[in-house]
PDB file of N, CA and C in Angstrom:
ATOM      1  N   MET A   1       0.832  -1.184   0.000  1.00  0.00           N
ATOM      2  CA  MET A   1       0.000   0.000   0.000  1.00  0.00           C
ATOM      3  C   MET A   1       0.876   1.247   0.000  1.00  0.00           C
ATOM      4  N   TYR A   2       0.401   2.269  -0.630  1.00  0.00           N
ATOM      5  CA  TYR A   2       1.164   3.496  -0.798  1.00  0.00           C
ATOM      6  C   TYR A   2       1.589   4.109   0.531  1.00  0.00           C
ATOM      7  N   ILE A   3       0.669   4.227   1.462  1.00  0.00           N
ATOM      8  CA  ILE A   3       0.973   4.902   2.727  1.00  0.00           C
ATOM      9  C   ILE A   3       2.094   4.192   3.485  1.00  0.00           C
ATOM     10  N   PHE A   4       2.096   2.879   3.441  1.00  0.00           N
ATOM     11  CA  PHE A   4       3.148   2.132   4.134  1.00  0.00           C
ATOM     12  C   PHE A   4       4.482   2.244   3.394  1.00  0.00           C
ATOM     13  N   ASP A   5       4.407   2.306   2.077  1.00  0.00           N
ATOM     14  CA  ASP A   5       5.627   2.473   1.288  1.00  0.00           C
ATOM     15  C   ASP A   5       6.274   3.824   1.544  1.00  0.00           C
ATOM     16  N   LYS A   6       5.480   4.822   1.837  1.00  0.00           N
ATOM     17  CA  LYS A   6       5.963   6.192   2.027  1.00  0.00           C
ATOM     18  C   LYS A   6       6.147   6.577   3.497  1.00  0.00           C
ATOM     19  N   GLN A   7       5.985   5.641   4.394  1.00  0.00           N
ATOM     20  CA  GLN A   7       6.044   5.924   5.821  1.00  0.00           C
ATOM     21  C   GLN A   7       7.328   6.649   6.222  1.00  0.00           C
ATOM     22  N   LYS A   8       8.468   6.169   5.774  1.00  0.00           N
ATOM     23  CA  LYS A   8       9.742   6.801   6.134  1.00  0.00           C
ATOM     24  C   LYS A   8       9.818   8.208   5.567  1.00  0.00           C
ATOM     25  N   ASP A   9       9.350   8.410   4.334  1.00  0.00           N
ATOM     26  CA  ASP A   9       9.371   9.742   3.725  1.00  0.00           C
ATOM     27  C   ASP A   9       8.509  10.715   4.534  1.00  0.00           C
ATOM     28  N   PHE A  10       7.321  10.261   4.946  1.00  0.00           N
ATOM     29  CA  PHE A  10       6.441  11.112   5.754  1.00  0.00           C
ATOM     30  C   PHE A  10       7.088  11.451   7.091  1.00  0.00           C
ATOM     31  N   TYR A  11       7.667  10.469   7.719  1.00  0.00           N
ATOM     32  CA  TYR A  11       8.335  10.671   9.009  1.00  0.00           C
ATOM     33  C   TYR A  11       9.478  11.678   8.852  1.00  0.00           C
ATOM     34  N   ASP A  12      10.272  11.507   7.811  1.00  0.00           N
ATOM     35  CA  ASP A  12      11.393  12.424   7.569  1.00  0.00           C
ATOM     36  C   ASP A  12      10.889  13.845   7.313  1.00  0.00           C
ATOM     37  N   GLU A  13       9.831  13.978   6.545  1.00  0.00           N
ATOM     38  CA  GLU A  13       9.271  15.302   6.251  1.00  0.00           C
ATOM     39  C   GLU A  13       8.715  15.963   7.508  1.00  0.00           C
ATOM     40  N   LEU A  14       8.000  15.192   8.320  1.00  0.00           N
ATOM     41  CA  LEU A  14       7.475  15.733   9.581  1.00  0.00           C
ATOM     42  C   LEU A  14       8.614  16.187  10.495  1.00  0.00           C
ATOM     43  N   THR A  15       9.677  15.423  10.536  1.00  0.00           N
ATOM     44  CA  THR A  15      10.831  15.782  11.351  1.00  0.00           C
ATOM     45  C   THR A  15      11.479  17.055  10.819  1.00  0.00           C
ATOM     46  N   LYS A  16      11.671  17.110   9.512  1.00  0.00           N
ATOM     47  CA  LYS A  16      12.303  18.271   8.881  1.00  0.00           C
ATOM     48  C   LYS A  16      11.487  19.542   9.130  1.00  0.00           C
ATOM     49  N   GLU A  17      10.174  19.436   9.056  1.00  0.00           N
ATOM     50  CA  GLU A  17       9.293  20.594   9.240  1.00  0.00           C
ATOM     51  C   GLU A  17       8.978  20.860  10.717  1.00  0.00           C
ATOM     52  N   GLU A  18       9.602  20.101  11.588  1.00  0.00           N
ATOM     53  CA  GLU A  18       9.402  20.221  13.033  1.00  0.00           C
ATOM     54  C   GLU A  18       7.921  20.071  13.412  1.00  0.00           C
ATOM     55  N   MET A  19       7.284  19.091  12.803  1.00  0.00           N
ATOM     56  CA  MET A  19       5.870  18.831  13.050  1.00  0.00           C
ATOM     57  C   MET A  19       5.617  17.430  13.598  1.00  0.00           C
ATOM     58  N   LEU A  20       6.673  16.748  13.946  1.00  0.00           N
ATOM     59  CA  LEU A  20       6.524  15.383  14.431  1.00  0.00           C
ATOM     60  C   LEU A  20       5.743  15.334  15.737  1.00  0.00           C
ATOM     61  N   SER A  21       5.974  16.289  16.636  1.00  0.00           N
ATOM     62  CA  SER A  21       5.228  16.277  17.901  1.00  0.00           C
ATOM     63  C   SER A  21       3.746  16.555  17.656  1.00  0.00           C
ATOM     64  N   LEU A  22       3.425  17.417  16.702  1.00  0.00           N
ATOM     65  CA  LEU A  22       2.028  17.656  16.343  1.00  0.00           C
ATOM     66  C   LEU A  22       1.370  16.355  15.891  1.00  0.00           C
ATOM     67  N   TYR A  23       2.065  15.633  15.048  1.00  0.00           N
ATOM     68  CA  TYR A  23       1.544  14.355  14.560  1.00  0.00           C
ATOM     69  C   TYR A  23       1.366  13.355  15.708  1.00  0.00           C
ATOM     70  N   ASN A  24       2.407  13.198  16.522  1.00  0.00           N
ATOM     71  CA  ASN A  24       2.367  12.200  17.593  1.00  0.00           C
ATOM     72  C   ASN A  24       1.416  12.569  18.725  1.00  0.00           C
ATOM     73  N   ASP A  25       1.349  13.855  19.069  1.00  0.00           N
ATOM     74  CA  ASP A  25       0.586  14.278  20.246  1.00  0.00           C
ATOM     75  C   ASP A  25      -0.868  14.625  19.946  1.00  0.00           C
ATOM     76  N   ILE A  26      -1.163  15.011  18.709  1.00  0.00           N
ATOM     77  CA  ILE A  26      -2.529  15.444  18.393  1.00  0.00           C
ATOM     78  C   ILE A  26      -3.155  14.599  17.291  1.00  0.00           C
ATOM     79  N   GLU A  27      -2.502  14.558  16.140  1.00  0.00           N
ATOM     80  CA  GLU A  27      -3.097  13.889  14.985  1.00  0.00           C
ATOM     81  C   GLU A  27      -3.311  12.390  15.201  1.00  0.00           C
ATOM     82  N   LEU A  28      -2.280  11.706  15.648  1.00  0.00           N
ATOM     83  CA  LEU A  28      -2.376  10.257  15.811  1.00  0.00           C
ATOM     84  C   LEU A  28      -3.413   9.855  16.856  1.00  0.00           C
ATOM     85  N   PRO A  29      -3.426  10.472  18.051  1.00  0.00           N
ATOM     86  CA  PRO A  29      -4.470  10.110  19.021  1.00  0.00           C
ATOM     87  C   PRO A  29      -5.883  10.405  18.511  1.00  0.00           C
ATOM     88  N   LEU A  30      -6.015  11.448  17.708  1.00  0.00           N
ATOM     89  CA  LEU A  30      -7.322  11.801  17.174  1.00  0.00           C
ATOM     90  C   LEU A  30      -7.867  10.723  16.239  1.00  0.00           C
ATOM     91  N   VAL A  31      -6.979  10.001  15.584  1.00  0.00           N
ATOM     92  CA  VAL A  31      -7.405   8.911  14.697  1.00  0.00           C
ATOM     93  C   VAL A  31      -8.243   7.891  15.459  1.00  0.00           C
ATOM     94  N   TYR A  32      -7.826   7.575  16.681  1.00  0.00           N
ATOM     95  CA  TYR A  32      -8.546   6.588  17.478  1.00  0.00           C
ATOM     96  C   TYR A  32      -9.920   7.104  17.887  1.00  0.00           C
ATOM     97  N   VAL A  33      -9.995   8.370  18.225  1.00  0.00           N
ATOM     98  CA  VAL A  33     -11.282   8.969  18.600  1.00  0.00           C
ATOM     99  C   VAL A  33     -12.230   8.967  17.409  1.00  0.00           C
ATOM    100  N   LEU A  34     -11.751   9.416  16.272  1.00  0.00           N
ATOM    101  CA  LEU A  34     -12.597   9.488  15.081  1.00  0.00           C
ATOM    102  C   LEU A  34     -13.011   8.101  14.597  1.00  0.00           C
ATOM    103  N   THR A  35     -12.108   7.148  14.696  1.00  0.00           N
ATOM    104  CA  THR A  35     -12.443   5.773  14.327  1.00  0.00           C
ATOM    105  C   THR A  35     -13.540   5.232  15.227  1.00  0.00           C
ATOM    106  N   ASN A  36     -13.430   5.479  16.521  1.00  0.00           N
ATOM    107  CA  ASN A  36     -14.447   5.034  17.468  1.00  0.00           C
ATOM    108  C   ASN A  36     -15.792   5.679  17.159  1.00  0.00           C
ATOM    109  N   MET A  37     -15.773   6.975  16.863  1.00  0.00           N
ATOM    110  CA  MET A  37     -17.021   7.661  16.512  1.00  0.00           C
ATOM    111  C   MET A  37     -17.641   7.058  15.250  1.00  0.00           C
ATOM    112  N   GLU A  38     -16.798   6.757  14.284  1.00  0.00           N
ATOM    113  CA  GLU A  38     -17.305   6.195  13.027  1.00  0.00           C
ATOM    114  C   GLU A  38     -17.891   4.807  13.241  1.00  0.00           C
ATOM    115  N   LEU A  39     -17.241   4.005  14.068  1.00  0.00           N
ATOM    116  CA  LEU A  39     -17.704   2.642  14.288  1.00  0.00           C
ATOM    117  C   LEU A  39     -18.940   2.571  15.174  1.00  0.00           C
ATOM    118  N   THR A  40     -19.009   3.415  16.205  1.00  0.00           N
ATOM    119  CA  THR A  40     -20.131   3.339  17.147  1.00  0.00           C
ATOM    120  C   THR A  40     -21.233   4.332  16.833  1.00  0.00           C
ATOM    121  N   GLY A  41     -20.898   5.367  16.092  1.00  0.00           N
ATOM    122  CA  GLY A  41     -21.876   6.396  15.776  1.00  0.00           C
ATOM    123  C   GLY A  41     -22.039   7.366  16.930  1.00  0.00           C
ATOM    124  N   PHE A  42     -22.861   8.368  16.693  1.00  0.00           N
ATOM    125  CA  PHE A  42     -23.166   9.335  17.743  1.00  0.00           C
ATOM    126  C   PHE A  42     -24.543   9.915  17.456  1.00  0.00           C
ATOM    127  N   LYS A  43     -25.201  10.341  18.512  1.00  0.00           N
ATOM    128  CA  LYS A  43     -26.559  10.850  18.381  1.00  0.00           C
ATOM    129  C   LYS A  43     -26.543  12.316  17.980  1.00  0.00           C
ATOM    130  N   ILE A  44     -27.536  12.670  17.170  1.00  0.00           N
ATOM    131  CA  ILE A  44     -27.724  14.075  16.835  1.00  0.00           C
ATOM    132  C   ILE A  44     -29.186  14.430  17.079  1.00  0.00           C
ATOM    133  N   ASP A  45     -29.418  15.684  17.349  1.00  0.00           N
ATOM    134  CA  ASP A  45     -30.768  16.192  17.514  1.00  0.00           C
ATOM    135  C   ASP A  45     -31.208  16.724  16.156  1.00  0.00           C
ATOM    136  N   ARG A  46     -31.986  15.920  15.441  1.00  0.00           N
ATOM    137  CA  ARG A  46     -32.366  16.276  14.071  1.00  0.00           C
ATOM    138  C   ARG A  46     -33.156  17.577  14.006  1.00  0.00           C
ATOM    139  N   ASP A  47     -34.045  17.778  14.975  1.00  0.00           N
ATOM    140  CA  ASP A  47     -34.835  19.006  14.980  1.00  0.00           C
ATOM    141  C   ASP A  47     -33.933  20.233  15.143  1.00  0.00           C
ATOM    142  N   TYR A  48     -32.997  20.153  16.083  1.00  0.00           N
ATOM    143  CA  TYR A  48     -32.070  21.267  16.299  1.00  0.00           C
ATOM    144  C   TYR A  48     -31.208  21.492  15.058  1.00  0.00           C
ATOM    145  N   LEU A  49     -30.734  20.416  14.452  1.00  0.00           N
ATOM    146  CA  LEU A  49     -29.908  20.513  13.263  1.00  0.00           C
ATOM    147  C   LEU A  49     -30.681  21.178  12.127  1.00  0.00           C
ATOM    148  N   GLU A  50     -31.931  20.792  11.944  1.00  0.00           N
ATOM    149  CA  GLU A  50     -32.758  21.389  10.897  1.00  0.00           C
ATOM    150  C   GLU A  50     -33.015  22.869  11.191  1.00  0.00           C
ATOM    151  N   GLU A  51     -33.309  23.179  12.446  1.00  0.00           N
ATOM    152  CA  GLU A  51     -33.554  24.574  12.848  1.00  0.00           C
ATOM    153  C   GLU A  51     -32.302  25.426  12.622  1.00  0.00           C
ATOM    154  N   SER A  52     -31.153  24.885  12.970  1.00  0.00           N
ATOM    155  CA  SER A  52     -29.888  25.607  12.759  1.00  0.00           C
ATOM    156  C   SER A  52     -29.644  25.838  11.272  1.00  0.00           C
ATOM    157  N   GLY A  53     -29.921  24.832  10.467  1.00  0.00           N
ATOM    158  CA  GLY A  53     -29.768  24.969   9.020  1.00  0.00           C
ATOM    159  C   GLY A  53     -30.680  26.046   8.467  1.00  0.00           C
ATOM    160  N   ASN A  54     -31.909  26.091   8.965  1.00  0.00           N
ATOM    161  CA  ASN A  54     -32.847  27.124   8.513  1.00  0.00           C
ATOM    162  C   ASN A  54     -32.370  28.509   8.926  1.00  0.00           C
ATOM    163  N   ASP A  55     -31.868  28.631  10.151  1.00  0.00           N
ATOM    164  CA  ASP A  55     -31.341  29.918  10.628  1.00  0.00           C
ATOM    165  C   ASP A  55     -30.183  30.392   9.752  1.00  0.00           C
ATOM    166  N   ILE A  56     -29.292  29.487   9.429  1.00  0.00           N
ATOM    167  CA  ILE A  56     -28.137  29.833   8.592  1.00  0.00           C
ATOM    168  C   ILE A  56     -28.600  30.261   7.204  1.00  0.00           C
ATOM    169  N   ASN A  57     -29.556  29.536   6.642  1.00  0.00           N
ATOM    170  CA  ASN A  57     -30.066  29.899   5.316  1.00  0.00           C
ATOM    171  C   ASN A  57     -30.733  31.267   5.337  1.00  0.00           C
ATOM    172  N   ASN A  58     -31.481  31.566   6.399  1.00  0.00           N
ATOM    173  CA  ASN A  58     -32.121  32.880   6.511  1.00  0.00           C
ATOM    174  C   ASN A  58     -31.082  33.990   6.603  1.00  0.00           C
ATOM    175  N   LYS A  59     -30.035  33.776   7.396  1.00  0.00           N
ATOM    176  CA  LYS A  59     -28.973  34.769   7.514  1.00  0.00           C
ATOM    177  C   LYS A  59     -28.255  34.953   6.180  1.00  0.00           C
ATOM    178  N   LEU A  60     -28.039  33.860   5.469  1.00  0.00           N
ATOM    179  CA  LEU A  60     -27.384  33.927   4.172  1.00  0.00           C
ATOM    180  C   LEU A  60     -28.214  34.742   3.186  1.00  0.00           C
ATOM    181  N   ARG A  61     -29.523  34.497   3.149  1.00  0.00           N
ATOM    182  CA  ARG A  61     -30.402  35.258   2.256  1.00  0.00           C
ATOM    183  C   ARG A  61     -30.375  36.745   2.607  1.00  0.00           C
ATOM    184  N   SER A  62     -30.360  37.052   3.900  1.00  0.00           N
ATOM    185  CA  SER A  62     -30.295  38.444   4.341  1.00  0.00           C
ATOM    186  C   SER A  62     -28.989  39.093   3.904  1.00  0.00           C
ATOM    187  N   LEU A  63     -27.887  38.371   4.055  1.00  0.00           N
ATOM    188  CA  LEU A  63     -26.593  38.891   3.617  1.00  0.00           C
ATOM    189  C   LEU A  63     -26.567  39.103   2.106  1.00  0.00           C
ATOM    190  N   GLU A  64     -27.129  38.169   1.353  1.00  0.00           N
ATOM    191  CA  GLU A  64     -27.178  38.313  -0.101  1.00  0.00           C
ATOM    192  C   GLU A  64     -27.948  39.568  -0.485  1.00  0.00           C
ATOM    193  N   THR A  65     -29.082  39.781   0.168  1.00  0.00           N
ATOM    194  CA  THR A  65     -29.890  40.969  -0.106  1.00  0.00           C
ATOM    195  C   THR A  65     -29.096  42.234   0.189  1.00  0.00           C
ATOM    196  N   SER A  66     -28.411  42.244   1.322  1.00  0.00           N
ATOM    197  CA  SER A  66     -27.594  43.407   1.698  1.00  0.00           C
ATOM    198  C   SER A  66     -26.475  43.659   0.669  1.00  0.00           C
ATOM    199  N   ILE A  67     -25.850  42.597   0.230  1.00  0.00           N
ATOM    200  CA  ILE A  67     -24.750  42.725  -0.756  1.00  0.00           C
ATOM    201  C   ILE A  67     -25.276  43.321  -2.051  1.00  0.00           C
ATOM    202  N   TYR A  68     -26.405  42.819  -2.522  1.00  0.00           N
ATOM    203  CA  TYR A  68     -26.971  43.350  -3.768  1.00  0.00           C
ATOM    204  C   TYR A  68     -27.406  44.810  -3.588  1.00  0.00           C
ATOM    205  N   THR A  69     -27.947  45.148  -2.441  1.00  0.00           N
ATOM    206  CA  THR A  69     -28.352  46.518  -2.170  1.00  0.00           C
ATOM    207  C   THR A  69     -27.148  47.458  -2.165  1.00  0.00           C
ATOM    208  N   ILE A  70     -26.093  47.052  -1.466  1.00  0.00           N
ATOM    209  CA  ILE A  70     -24.882  47.867  -1.378  1.00  0.00           C
ATOM    210  C   ILE A  70     -24.224  48.039  -2.747  1.00  0.00           C
ATOM    211  N   SER A  71     -24.241  46.965  -3.528  1.00  0.00           N
ATOM    212  CA  SER A  71     -23.574  47.017  -4.842  1.00  0.00           C
ATOM    213  C   SER A  71     -24.436  47.716  -5.893  1.00  0.00           C
ATOM    214  N   GLY A  72     -25.677  48.019  -5.556  1.00  0.00           N
ATOM    215  CA  GLY A  72     -26.545  48.740  -6.487  1.00  0.00           C
ATOM    216  C   GLY A  72     -27.231  47.856  -7.505  1.00  0.00           C
ATOM    217  N   GLU A  73     -27.245  46.597  -7.269  1.00  0.00           N
ATOM    218  CA  GLU A  73     -27.933  45.680  -8.206  1.00  0.00           C
ATOM    219  C   GLU A  73     -29.270  45.267  -7.671  1.00  0.00           C
TER     220      GLU A  73
END
């Protein structure tokens, strides 16, 4: 697999860019959290999510109207 073939190159690049601690301390542990979330799932409040989406769309429409008004179109 490509990722395993390039493992040393990635490690060397992270070391050169002084980002190895970022990878080891943040990125790598996060993989386990995200994998667990993907495998077990998580609950969402669909009503709240829909309401938030509607609020965002309303704000977007208002901003669009303001932009067109300001630009004279």
